[in-house]
ModelCIF file with pLDDT and N, C-alpha, C, O atoms, coordinates in Angstrom:
data_MODEL
#
_entry.id   MODEL 
#
_entity.id                         1 
_entity.type                       polymer 
_entity.pdbx_number_of_molecules   1 
#
_entity_poly.entity_id                      1 
_entity_poly.type                           'polypeptide(L)' 
_entity_poly.nstd_linkage                   no 
_entity_poly.nstd_monomer                   no 
_entity_poly.pdbx_seq_one_letter_code       VLSGGGGAALFYVAAYALMTIGGFGVIVFLSIGGRERAELADMRGMAQ 
_entity_poly.pdbx_seq_one_letter_code_can   VLSGGGGAALFYVAAYALMTIGGFGVIVFLSIGGRERAELADMRGMAQ 
_entity_poly.pdbx_strand_id                 A 
#
loop_
_entity_poly_seq.entity_id 
_entity_poly_seq.num 
_entity_poly_seq.mon_id 
_entity_poly_seq.hetero 
1 1  VAL n 
1 2  LEU n 
1 3  SER n 
1 4  GLY n 
1 5  GLY n 
1 6  GLY n 
1 7  GLY n 
1 8  ALA n 
1 9  ALA n 
1 10 LEU n 
1 11 PHE n 
1 12 TYR n 
1 13 VAL n 
1 14 ALA n 
1 15 ALA n 
1 16 TYR n 
1 17 ALA n 
1 18 LEU n 
1 19 MET n 
1 20 THR n 
1 21 ILE n 
1 22 GLY n 
1 23 GLY n 
1 24 PHE n 
1 25 GLY n 
1 26 VAL n 
1 27 ILE n 
1 28 VAL n 
1 29 PHE n 
1 30 LEU n 
1 31 SER n 
1 32 ILE n 
1 33 GLY n 
1 34 GLY n 
1 35 ARG n 
1 36 GLU n 
1 37 ARG n 
1 38 ALA n 
1 39 GLU n 
1 40 LEU n 
1 41 ALA n 
1 42 ASP n 
1 43 MET n 
1 44 ARG n 
1 45 GLY n 
1 46 MET n 
1 47 ALA n 
1 48 GLN n 
#
_struct_asym.id          A 
_struct_asym.entity_id   1 
#
loop_
_ma_qa_metric.id 
_ma_qa_metric.mode 
_ma_qa_metric.name 
_ma_qa_metric.software_group_id 
_ma_qa_metric.type 
1 global pLDDT . pLDDT 
2 local  pLDDT . pLDDT 
#
_ma_qa_metric_global.metric_id      1 
_ma_qa_metric_global.metric_value   84.48 
_ma_qa_metric_global.model_id       1 
_ma_qa_metric_global.ordinal_id     1 
#
loop_
_ma_qa_metric_local.label_asym_id 
_ma_qa_metric_local.label_comp_id 
_ma_qa_metric_local.label_seq_id 
_ma_qa_metric_local.metric_id 
_ma_qa_metric_local.metric_value 
_ma_qa_metric_local.model_id 
_ma_qa_metric_local.ordinal_id 
A VAL 1  2 92.00 1 1  
A LEU 2  2 91.00 1 2  
A SER 3  2 88.00 1 3  
A GLY 4  2 83.00 1 4  
A GLY 5  2 74.00 1 5  
A GLY 6  2 83.00 1 6  
A GLY 7  2 87.00 1 7  
A ALA 8  2 90.00 1 8  
A ALA 9  2 92.00 1 9  
A LEU 10 2 93.00 1 10 
A PHE 11 2 94.00 1 11 
A TYR 12 2 94.00 1 12 
A VAL 13 2 94.00 1 13 
A ALA 14 2 94.00 1 14 
A ALA 15 2 94.00 1 15 
A TYR 16 2 94.00 1 16 
A ALA 17 2 93.00 1 17 
A LEU 18 2 93.00 1 18 
A MET 19 2 93.00 1 19 
A THR 20 2 93.00 1 20 
A ILE 21 2 92.00 1 21 
A GLY 22 2 91.00 1 22 
A GLY 23 2 89.00 1 23 
A PHE 24 2 88.00 1 24 
A GLY 25 2 87.00 1 25 
A VAL 26 2 87.00 1 26 
A ILE 27 2 85.00 1 27 
A VAL 28 2 85.00 1 28 
A PHE 29 2 84.00 1 29 
A LEU 30 2 81.00 1 30 
A SER 31 2 74.00 1 31 
A ILE 32 2 62.00 1 32 
A GLY 33 2 58.00 1 33 
A GLY 34 2 58.00 1 34 
A ARG 35 2 66.00 1 35 
A GLU 36 2 69.00 1 36 
A ARG 37 2 73.00 1 37 
A ALA 38 2 75.00 1 38 
A GLU 39 2 80.00 1 39 
A LEU 40 2 83.00 1 40 
A ALA 41 2 83.00 1 41 
A ASP 42 2 82.00 1 42 
A MET 43 2 86.00 1 43 
A ARG 44 2 86.00 1 44 
A GLY 45 2 85.00 1 45 
A MET 46 2 86.00 1 46 
A ALA 47 2 85.00 1 47 
A GLN 48 2 86.00 1 48 
#
loop_
_atom_site.group_PDB 
_atom_site.id 
_atom_site.type_symbol 
_atom_site.label_atom_id 
_atom_site.label_alt_id 
_atom_site.label_comp_id 
_atom_site.label_asym_id 
_atom_site.label_entity_id 
_atom_site.label_seq_id 
_atom_site.pdbx_PDB_ins_code 
_atom_site.Cartn_x 
_atom_site.Cartn_y 
_atom_site.Cartn_z 
_atom_site.occupancy 
_atom_site.B_iso_or_equiv 
_atom_site.pdbx_formal_charge 
_atom_site.auth_seq_id 
_atom_site.auth_comp_id 
_atom_site.auth_asym_id 
_atom_site.auth_atom_id 
_atom_site.pdbx_PDB_model_num 
ATOM 1   N N  . VAL A 1 1  ? 0.799   -1.205  0.024  1.00 92.00 ? 1  VAL A N  1 
ATOM 2   C CA . VAL A 1 1  ? 0.024   0.032   0.042  1.00 92.00 ? 1  VAL A CA 1 
ATOM 3   C C  . VAL A 1 1  ? 0.870   1.231   -0.006 1.00 92.00 ? 1  VAL A C  1 
ATOM 4   O O  . VAL A 1 1  ? 0.662   2.121   -0.831 1.00 92.00 ? 1  VAL A O  1 
ATOM 5   N N  . LEU A 1 2  ? 1.806   1.275   0.846  1.00 91.00 ? 2  LEU A N  1 
ATOM 6   C CA . LEU A 1 2  ? 2.732   2.504   1.016  1.00 91.00 ? 2  LEU A CA 1 
ATOM 7   C C  . LEU A 1 2  ? 3.525   2.848   -0.220 1.00 91.00 ? 2  LEU A C  1 
ATOM 8   O O  . LEU A 1 2  ? 3.828   4.007   -0.507 1.00 91.00 ? 2  LEU A O  1 
ATOM 9   N N  . SER A 1 3  ? 3.851   1.781   -0.946 1.00 88.00 ? 3  SER A N  1 
ATOM 10  C CA . SER A 1 3  ? 4.646   1.978   -2.175 1.00 88.00 ? 3  SER A CA 1 
ATOM 11  C C  . SER A 1 3  ? 3.871   2.325   -3.401 1.00 88.00 ? 3  SER A C  1 
ATOM 12  O O  . SER A 1 3  ? 4.420   2.599   -4.468 1.00 88.00 ? 3  SER A O  1 
ATOM 13  N N  . GLY A 1 4  ? 2.532   2.307   -3.214 1.00 83.00 ? 4  GLY A N  1 
ATOM 14  C CA . GLY A 1 4  ? 1.690   2.620   -4.356 1.00 83.00 ? 4  GLY A CA 1 
ATOM 15  C C  . GLY A 1 4  ? 1.430   1.377   -5.277 1.00 83.00 ? 4  GLY A C  1 
ATOM 16  O O  . GLY A 1 4  ? 0.846   1.480   -6.356 1.00 83.00 ? 4  GLY A O  1 
ATOM 17  N N  . GLY A 1 5  ? 1.885   0.247   -4.794 1.00 74.00 ? 5  GLY A N  1 
ATOM 18  C CA . GLY A 1 5  ? 1.705   -1.028  -5.593 1.00 74.00 ? 5  GLY A CA 1 
ATOM 19  C C  . GLY A 1 5  ? 0.419   -1.646  -5.266 1.00 74.00 ? 5  GLY A C  1 
ATOM 20  O O  . GLY A 1 5  ? 0.397   -2.664  -4.574 1.00 74.00 ? 5  GLY A O  1 
ATOM 21  N N  . GLY A 1 6  ? -0.723  -1.076  -5.739 1.00 83.00 ? 6  GLY A N  1 
ATOM 22  C CA . GLY A 1 6  ? -2.007  -1.690  -5.460 1.00 83.00 ? 6  GLY A CA 1 
ATOM 23  C C  . GLY A 1 6  ? -2.133  -3.080  -6.030 1.00 83.00 ? 6  GLY A C  1 
ATOM 24  O O  . GLY A 1 6  ? -2.635  -3.979  -5.355 1.00 83.00 ? 6  GLY A O  1 
ATOM 25  N N  . GLY A 1 7  ? -1.682  -3.282  -7.275 1.00 87.00 ? 7  GLY A N  1 
ATOM 26  C CA . GLY A 1 7  ? -1.656  -4.584  -7.830 1.00 87.00 ? 7  GLY A CA 1 
ATOM 27  C C  . GLY A 1 7  ? -0.885  -5.617  -7.074 1.00 87.00 ? 7  GLY A C  1 
ATOM 28  O O  . GLY A 1 7  ? -1.354  -6.732  -6.845 1.00 87.00 ? 7  GLY A O  1 
ATOM 29  N N  . ALA A 1 8  ? 0.336   -5.226  -6.679 1.00 90.00 ? 8  ALA A N  1 
ATOM 30  C CA . ALA A 1 8  ? 1.181   -6.106  -5.864 1.00 90.00 ? 8  ALA A CA 1 
ATOM 31  C C  . ALA A 1 8  ? 0.509   -6.412  -4.576 1.00 90.00 ? 8  ALA A C  1 
ATOM 32  O O  . ALA A 1 8  ? 0.578   -7.555  -4.124 1.00 90.00 ? 8  ALA A O  1 
ATOM 33  N N  . ALA A 1 9  ? -0.142  -5.464  -3.946 1.00 92.00 ? 9  ALA A N  1 
ATOM 34  C CA . ALA A 1 9  ? -0.782  -5.748  -2.626 1.00 92.00 ? 9  ALA A CA 1 
ATOM 35  C C  . ALA A 1 9  ? -1.941  -6.722  -2.831 1.00 92.00 ? 9  ALA A C  1 
ATOM 36  O O  . ALA A 1 9  ? -2.128  -7.638  -2.030 1.00 92.00 ? 9  ALA A O  1 
ATOM 37  N N  . LEU A 1 10 ? -2.729  -6.530  -3.909 1.00 93.00 ? 10 LEU A N  1 
ATOM 38  C CA . LEU A 1 10 ? -3.836  -7.432  -4.232 1.00 93.00 ? 10 LEU A CA 1 
ATOM 39  C C  . LEU A 1 10 ? -3.331  -8.833  -4.417 1.00 93.00 ? 10 LEU A C  1 
ATOM 40  O O  . LEU A 1 10 ? -3.816  -9.783  -3.803 1.00 93.00 ? 10 LEU A O  1 
ATOM 41  N N  . PHE A 1 11 ? -2.318  -8.943  -5.299 1.00 94.00 ? 11 PHE A N  1 
ATOM 42  C CA . PHE A 1 11 ? -1.726  -10.284 -5.576 1.00 94.00 ? 11 PHE A CA 1 
ATOM 43  C C  . PHE A 1 11 ? -1.263  -10.933 -4.255 1.00 94.00 ? 11 PHE A C  1 
ATOM 44  O O  . PHE A 1 11 ? -1.501  -12.116 -4.014 1.00 94.00 ? 11 PHE A O  1 
ATOM 45  N N  . TYR A 1 12 ? -0.584  -10.112 -3.391 1.00 94.00 ? 12 TYR A N  1 
ATOM 46  C CA . TYR A 1 12 ? -0.051  -10.612 -2.164 1.00 94.00 ? 12 TYR A CA 1 
ATOM 47  C C  . TYR A 1 12 ? -1.186  -11.156 -1.256 1.00 94.00 ? 12 TYR A C  1 
ATOM 48  O O  . TYR A 1 12 ? -1.068  -12.247 -0.698 1.00 94.00 ? 12 TYR A O  1 
ATOM 49  N N  . VAL A 1 13 ? -2.289  -10.376 -1.115 1.00 94.00 ? 13 VAL A N  1 
ATOM 50  C CA . VAL A 1 13 ? -3.387  -10.854 -0.220 1.00 94.00 ? 13 VAL A CA 1 
ATOM 51  C C  . VAL A 1 13 ? -4.062  -12.014 -0.788 1.00 94.00 ? 13 VAL A C  1 
ATOM 52  O O  . VAL A 1 13 ? -4.560  -12.848 -0.033 1.00 94.00 ? 13 VAL A O  1 
ATOM 53  N N  . ALA A 1 14 ? -4.125  -12.145 -2.131 1.00 94.00 ? 14 ALA A N  1 
ATOM 54  C CA . ALA A 1 14 ? -4.683  -13.363 -2.728 1.00 94.00 ? 14 ALA A CA 1 
ATOM 55  C C  . ALA A 1 14 ? -3.890  -14.540 -2.452 1.00 94.00 ? 14 ALA A C  1 
ATOM 56  O O  . ALA A 1 14 ? -4.427  -15.591 -2.104 1.00 94.00 ? 14 ALA A O  1 
ATOM 57  N N  . ALA A 1 15 ? -2.590  -14.414 -2.595 1.00 94.00 ? 15 ALA A N  1 
ATOM 58  C CA . ALA A 1 15 ? -1.679  -15.493 -2.273 1.00 94.00 ? 15 ALA A CA 1 
ATOM 59  C C  . ALA A 1 15 ? -1.728  -15.909 -0.808 1.00 94.00 ? 15 ALA A C  1 
ATOM 60  O O  . ALA A 1 15 ? -1.697  -17.094 -0.476 1.00 94.00 ? 15 ALA A O  1 
ATOM 61  N N  . TYR A 1 16 ? -1.807  -14.892 0.064  1.00 94.00 ? 16 TYR A N  1 
ATOM 62  C CA . TYR A 1 16 ? -1.888  -15.184 1.516  1.00 94.00 ? 16 TYR A CA 1 
ATOM 63  C C  . TYR A 1 16 ? -3.222  -15.853 1.760  1.00 94.00 ? 16 TYR A C  1 
ATOM 64  O O  . TYR A 1 16 ? -3.217  -16.834 2.505  1.00 94.00 ? 16 TYR A O  1 
ATOM 65  N N  . ALA A 1 17 ? -4.317  -15.467 1.251  1.00 93.00 ? 17 ALA A N  1 
ATOM 66  C CA . ALA A 1 17 ? -5.608  -16.108 1.495  1.00 93.00 ? 17 ALA A CA 1 
ATOM 67  C C  . ALA A 1 17 ? -5.504  -17.541 1.107  1.00 93.00 ? 17 ALA A C  1 
ATOM 68  O O  . ALA A 1 17 ? -5.974  -18.407 1.844  1.00 93.00 ? 17 ALA A O  1 
ATOM 69  N N  . LEU A 1 18 ? -4.898  -17.841 -0.044 1.00 93.00 ? 18 LEU A N  1 
ATOM 70  C CA . LEU A 1 18 ? -4.775  -19.244 -0.485 1.00 93.00 ? 18 LEU A CA 1 
ATOM 71  C C  . LEU A 1 18 ? -3.923  -19.999 0.479  1.00 93.00 ? 18 LEU A C  1 
ATOM 72  O O  . LEU A 1 18 ? -4.307  -21.105 0.860  1.00 93.00 ? 18 LEU A O  1 
ATOM 73  N N  . MET A 1 19 ? -2.845  -19.515 0.889  1.00 93.00 ? 19 MET A N  1 
ATOM 74  C CA . MET A 1 19 ? -1.955  -20.226 1.799  1.00 93.00 ? 19 MET A CA 1 
ATOM 75  C C  . MET A 1 19 ? -2.567  -20.411 3.174  1.00 93.00 ? 19 MET A C  1 
ATOM 76  O O  . MET A 1 19 ? -2.435  -21.477 3.776  1.00 93.00 ? 19 MET A O  1 
ATOM 77  N N  . THR A 1 20 ? -3.222  -19.401 3.665  1.00 93.00 ? 20 THR A N  1 
ATOM 78  C CA . THR A 1 20 ? -3.822  -19.480 5.076  1.00 93.00 ? 20 THR A CA 1 
ATOM 79  C C  . THR A 1 20 ? -4.982  -20.451 5.113  1.00 93.00 ? 20 THR A C  1 
ATOM 80  O O  . THR A 1 20 ? -5.170  -21.204 6.069  1.00 93.00 ? 20 THR A O  1 
ATOM 81  N N  . ILE A 1 21 ? -5.772  -20.409 4.012  1.00 92.00 ? 21 ILE A N  1 
ATOM 82  C CA . ILE A 1 21 ? -6.896  -21.453 3.922  1.00 92.00 ? 21 ILE A CA 1 
ATOM 83  C C  . ILE A 1 21 ? -6.351  -22.865 4.010  1.00 92.00 ? 21 ILE A C  1 
ATOM 84  O O  . ILE A 1 21 ? -6.898  -23.733 4.691  1.00 92.00 ? 21 ILE A O  1 
ATOM 85  N N  . GLY A 1 22 ? -5.190  -23.075 3.255  1.00 91.00 ? 22 GLY A N  1 
ATOM 86  C CA . GLY A 1 22 ? -4.586  -24.402 3.282  1.00 91.00 ? 22 GLY A CA 1 
ATOM 87  C C  . GLY A 1 22 ? -4.060  -24.715 4.701  1.00 91.00 ? 22 GLY A C  1 
ATOM 88  O O  . GLY A 1 22 ? -4.279  -25.797 5.247  1.00 91.00 ? 22 GLY A O  1 
ATOM 89  N N  . GLY A 1 23 ? -3.369  -23.731 5.262  1.00 89.00 ? 23 GLY A N  1 
ATOM 90  C CA . GLY A 1 23 ? -2.702  -23.962 6.659  1.00 89.00 ? 23 GLY A CA 1 
ATOM 91  C C  . GLY A 1 23 ? -3.759  -24.284 7.680  1.00 89.00 ? 23 GLY A C  1 
ATOM 92  O O  . GLY A 1 23 ? -3.672  -25.317 8.343  1.00 89.00 ? 23 GLY A O  1 
ATOM 93  N N  . PHE A 1 24 ? -4.752  -23.440 7.831  1.00 88.00 ? 24 PHE A N  1 
ATOM 94  C CA . PHE A 1 24 ? -5.849  -23.666 8.800  1.00 88.00 ? 24 PHE A CA 1 
ATOM 95  C C  . PHE A 1 24 ? -6.677  -24.849 8.328  1.00 88.00 ? 24 PHE A C  1 
ATOM 96  O O  . PHE A 1 24 ? -7.189  -25.586 9.170  1.00 88.00 ? 24 PHE A O  1 
ATOM 97  N N  . GLY A 1 25 ? -6.826  -25.056 7.126  1.00 87.00 ? 25 GLY A N  1 
ATOM 98  C CA . GLY A 1 25 ? -7.607  -26.277 6.642  1.00 87.00 ? 25 GLY A CA 1 
ATOM 99  C C  . GLY A 1 25 ? -6.980  -27.525 7.129  1.00 87.00 ? 25 GLY A C  1 
ATOM 100 O O  . GLY A 1 25 ? -7.692  -28.445 7.531  1.00 87.00 ? 25 GLY A O  1 
ATOM 101 N N  . VAL A 1 26 ? -5.714  -27.610 7.119  1.00 87.00 ? 26 VAL A N  1 
ATOM 102 C CA . VAL A 1 26 ? -5.014  -28.797 7.687  1.00 87.00 ? 26 VAL A CA 1 
ATOM 103 C C  . VAL A 1 26 ? -5.358  -29.012 9.136  1.00 87.00 ? 26 VAL A C  1 
ATOM 104 O O  . VAL A 1 26 ? -5.581  -30.146 9.559  1.00 87.00 ? 26 VAL A O  1 
ATOM 105 N N  . ILE A 1 27 ? -5.406  -27.929 9.916  1.00 85.00 ? 27 ILE A N  1 
ATOM 106 C CA . ILE A 1 27 ? -5.730  -28.009 11.305 1.00 85.00 ? 27 ILE A CA 1 
ATOM 107 C C  . ILE A 1 27 ? -7.223  -28.470 11.440 1.00 85.00 ? 27 ILE A C  1 
ATOM 108 O O  . ILE A 1 27 ? -7.545  -29.246 12.339 1.00 85.00 ? 27 ILE A O  1 
ATOM 109 N N  . VAL A 1 28 ? -8.084  -28.008 10.583 1.00 85.00 ? 28 VAL A N  1 
ATOM 110 C CA . VAL A 1 28 ? -9.461  -28.429 10.587 1.00 85.00 ? 28 VAL A CA 1 
ATOM 111 C C  . VAL A 1 28 ? -9.578  -29.919 10.287 1.00 85.00 ? 28 VAL A C  1 
ATOM 112 O O  . VAL A 1 28 ? -10.348 -30.619 10.945 1.00 85.00 ? 28 VAL A O  1 
ATOM 113 N N  . PHE A 1 29 ? -8.850  -30.401 9.334  1.00 84.00 ? 29 PHE A N  1 
ATOM 114 C CA . PHE A 1 29 ? -8.984  -31.759 8.921  1.00 84.00 ? 29 PHE A CA 1 
ATOM 115 C C  . PHE A 1 29 ? -8.370  -32.794 9.934  1.00 84.00 ? 29 PHE A C  1 
ATOM 116 O O  . PHE A 1 29 ? -8.762  -33.958 10.023 1.00 84.00 ? 29 PHE A O  1 
ATOM 117 N N  . LEU A 1 30 ? -7.339  -32.227 10.704 1.00 81.00 ? 30 LEU A N  1 
ATOM 118 C CA . LEU A 1 30 ? -6.725  -33.013 11.723 1.00 81.00 ? 30 LEU A CA 1 
ATOM 119 C C  . LEU A 1 30 ? -7.435  -33.068 13.029 1.00 81.00 ? 30 LEU A C  1 
ATOM 120 O O  . LEU A 1 30 ? -7.041  -33.802 13.935 1.00 81.00 ? 30 LEU A O  1 
ATOM 121 N N  . SER A 1 31 ? -8.525  -32.263 13.140 1.00 74.00 ? 31 SER A N  1 
ATOM 122 C CA . SER A 1 31 ? -9.338  -32.303 14.402 1.00 74.00 ? 31 SER A CA 1 
ATOM 123 C C  . SER A 1 31 ? -10.197 -33.466 14.407 1.00 74.00 ? 31 SER A C  1 
ATOM 124 O O  . SER A 1 31 ? -11.369 -33.402 14.036 1.00 74.00 ? 31 SER A O  1 
ATOM 125 N N  . ILE A 1 32 ? -9.626  -34.565 14.831 1.00 62.00 ? 32 ILE A N  1 
ATOM 126 C CA . ILE A 1 32 ? -10.264 -35.859 14.853 1.00 62.00 ? 32 ILE A CA 1 
ATOM 127 C C  . ILE A 1 32 ? -10.901 -36.164 16.244 1.00 62.00 ? 32 ILE A C  1 
ATOM 128 O O  . ILE A 1 32 ? -10.283 -35.943 17.286 1.00 62.00 ? 32 ILE A O  1 
ATOM 129 N N  . GLY A 1 33 ? -12.110 -36.660 16.218 1.00 58.00 ? 33 GLY A N  1 
ATOM 130 C CA . GLY A 1 33 ? -12.793 -37.008 17.472 1.00 58.00 ? 33 GLY A CA 1 
ATOM 131 C C  . GLY A 1 33 ? -13.079 -35.834 18.384 1.00 58.00 ? 33 GLY A C  1 
ATOM 132 O O  . GLY A 1 33 ? -13.228 -35.997 19.595 1.00 58.00 ? 33 GLY A O  1 
ATOM 133 N N  . GLY A 1 34 ? -13.153 -34.648 17.795 1.00 58.00 ? 34 GLY A N  1 
ATOM 134 C CA . GLY A 1 34 ? -13.499 -33.508 18.634 1.00 58.00 ? 34 GLY A CA 1 
ATOM 135 C C  . GLY A 1 34 ? -12.229 -32.847 19.246 1.00 58.00 ? 34 GLY A C  1 
ATOM 136 O O  . GLY A 1 34 ? -12.342 -31.754 19.802 1.00 58.00 ? 34 GLY A O  1 
ATOM 137 N N  . ARG A 1 35 ? -11.041 -33.466 19.164 1.00 66.00 ? 35 ARG A N  1 
ATOM 138 C CA . ARG A 1 35 ? -9.842  -32.878 19.740 1.00 66.00 ? 35 ARG A CA 1 
ATOM 139 C C  . ARG A 1 35 ? -9.131  -32.099 18.654 1.00 66.00 ? 35 ARG A C  1 
ATOM 140 O O  . ARG A 1 35 ? -8.868  -32.604 17.562 1.00 66.00 ? 35 ARG A O  1 
ATOM 141 N N  . GLU A 1 36 ? -8.838  -30.902 18.971 1.00 69.00 ? 36 GLU A N  1 
ATOM 142 C CA . GLU A 1 36 ? -8.183  -30.022 17.979 1.00 69.00 ? 36 GLU A CA 1 
ATOM 143 C C  . GLU A 1 36 ? -6.649  -30.218 18.016 1.00 69.00 ? 36 GLU A C  1 
ATOM 144 O O  . GLU A 1 36 ? -6.000  -29.893 19.010 1.00 69.00 ? 36 GLU A O  1 
ATOM 145 N N  . ARG A 1 37 ? -6.121  -30.719 16.988 1.00 73.00 ? 37 ARG A N  1 
ATOM 146 C CA . ARG A 1 37 ? -4.663  -31.011 16.880 1.00 73.00 ? 37 ARG A CA 1 
ATOM 147 C C  . ARG A 1 37 ? -3.933  -29.797 16.330 1.00 73.00 ? 37 ARG A C  1 
ATOM 148 O O  . ARG A 1 37 ? -3.566  -29.725 15.157 1.00 73.00 ? 37 ARG A O  1 
ATOM 149 N N  . ALA A 1 38 ? -3.739  -28.836 17.249 1.00 75.00 ? 38 ALA A N  1 
ATOM 150 C CA . ALA A 1 38 ? -3.187  -27.560 16.904 1.00 75.00 ? 38 ALA A CA 1 
ATOM 151 C C  . ALA A 1 38 ? -1.863  -27.263 17.543 1.00 75.00 ? 38 ALA A C  1 
ATOM 152 O O  . ALA A 1 38 ? -1.392  -26.129 17.450 1.00 75.00 ? 38 ALA A O  1 
ATOM 153 N N  . GLU A 1 39 ? -1.210  -28.258 18.212 1.00 80.00 ? 39 GLU A N  1 
ATOM 154 C CA . GLU A 1 39 ? 0.093   -28.073 18.821 1.00 80.00 ? 39 GLU A CA 1 
ATOM 155 C C  . GLU A 1 39 ? 1.127   -28.558 17.750 1.00 80.00 ? 39 GLU A C  1 
ATOM 156 O O  . GLU A 1 39 ? 0.892   -29.431 16.914 1.00 80.00 ? 39 GLU A O  1 
ATOM 157 N N  . LEU A 1 40 ? 2.266   -27.898 17.884 1.00 83.00 ? 40 LEU A N  1 
ATOM 158 C CA . LEU A 1 40 ? 3.437   -28.340 17.005 1.00 83.00 ? 40 LEU A CA 1 
ATOM 159 C C  . LEU A 1 40 ? 3.801   -29.762 17.231 1.00 83.00 ? 40 LEU A C  1 
ATOM 160 O O  . LEU A 1 40 ? 4.235   -30.440 16.300 1.00 83.00 ? 40 LEU A O  1 
ATOM 161 N N  . ALA A 1 41 ? 3.645   -30.244 18.425 1.00 83.00 ? 41 ALA A N  1 
ATOM 162 C CA . ALA A 1 41 ? 3.956   -31.671 18.726 1.00 83.00 ? 41 ALA A CA 1 
ATOM 163 C C  . ALA A 1 41 ? 3.096   -32.580 17.937 1.00 83.00 ? 41 ALA A C  1 
ATOM 164 O O  . ALA A 1 41 ? 3.504   -33.710 17.671 1.00 83.00 ? 41 ALA A O  1 
ATOM 165 N N  . ASP A 1 42 ? 1.931   -32.165 17.542 1.00 82.00 ? 42 ASP A N  1 
ATOM 166 C CA . ASP A 1 42 ? 0.975   -33.078 16.770 1.00 82.00 ? 42 ASP A CA 1 
ATOM 167 C C  . ASP A 1 42 ? 1.490   -33.214 15.349 1.00 82.00 ? 42 ASP A C  1 
ATOM 168 O O  . ASP A 1 42 ? 0.971   -34.041 14.599 1.00 82.00 ? 42 ASP A O  1 
ATOM 169 N N  . MET A 1 43 ? 2.486   -32.442 14.948 1.00 86.00 ? 43 MET A N  1 
ATOM 170 C CA . MET A 1 43 ? 2.984   -32.605 13.610 1.00 86.00 ? 43 MET A CA 1 
ATOM 171 C C  . MET A 1 43 ? 4.134   -33.536 13.474 1.00 86.00 ? 43 MET A C  1 
ATOM 172 O O  . MET A 1 43 ? 4.606   -33.828 12.375 1.00 86.00 ? 43 MET A O  1 
ATOM 173 N N  . ARG A 1 44 ? 4.606   -34.028 14.672 1.00 86.00 ? 44 ARG A N  1 
ATOM 174 C CA . ARG A 1 44 ? 5.788   -34.940 14.629 1.00 86.00 ? 44 ARG A CA 1 
ATOM 175 C C  . ARG A 1 44 ? 5.390   -36.238 13.850 1.00 86.00 ? 44 ARG A C  1 
ATOM 176 O O  . ARG A 1 44 ? 4.340   -36.847 14.055 1.00 86.00 ? 44 ARG A O  1 
ATOM 177 N N  . GLY A 1 45 ? 6.312   -36.586 12.961 1.00 85.00 ? 45 GLY A N  1 
ATOM 178 C CA . GLY A 1 45 ? 6.184   -37.900 12.228 1.00 85.00 ? 45 GLY A CA 1 
ATOM 179 C C  . GLY A 1 45 ? 4.966   -37.861 11.245 1.00 85.00 ? 45 GLY A C  1 
ATOM 180 O O  . GLY A 1 45 ? 4.471   -38.922 10.866 1.00 85.00 ? 45 GLY A O  1 
ATOM 181 N N  . MET A 1 46 ? 4.503   -36.718 10.850 1.00 86.00 ? 46 MET A N  1 
ATOM 182 C CA . MET A 1 46 ? 3.283   -36.619 9.967  1.00 86.00 ? 46 MET A CA 1 
ATOM 183 C C  . MET A 1 46 ? 3.556   -37.319 8.613  1.00 86.00 ? 46 MET A C  1 
ATOM 184 O O  . MET A 1 46 ? 2.643   -37.891 8.018  1.00 86.00 ? 46 MET A O  1 
ATOM 185 N N  . ALA A 1 47 ? 4.859   -37.266 8.116  1.00 85.00 ? 47 ALA A N  1 
ATOM 186 C CA . ALA A 1 47 ? 5.137   -37.861 6.894  1.00 85.00 ? 47 ALA A CA 1 
ATOM 187 C C  . ALA A 1 47 ? 4.888   -39.326 6.844  1.00 85.00 ? 47 ALA A C  1 
ATOM 188 O O  . ALA A 1 47 ? 4.486   -39.866 5.814  1.00 85.00 ? 47 ALA A O  1 
ATOM 189 N N  . GLN A 1 48 ? 5.128   -39.992 7.972  1.00 86.00 ? 48 GLN A N  1 
ATOM 190 C CA . GLN A 1 48 ? 4.830   -41.473 8.069  1.00 86.00 ? 48 GLN A CA 1 
ATOM 191 C C  . GLN A 1 48 ? 3.312   -41.721 8.275  1.00 86.00 ? 48 GLN A C  1 
ATOM 192 O O  . GLN A 1 48 ? 2.882   -42.870 8.376  1.00 86.00 ? 48 GLN A O  1 
#
């Protein structure tokens, strides 16, 4: 905004919205059995 880059700001907020929906969407999907898996420790060994 301060640099006058309205197009850049719009592109950035669109990219941020896409990434944050994915990030919080993972937390939503991992909330199994009513327990919210939102601790960093819950991500251990996720690849396996």
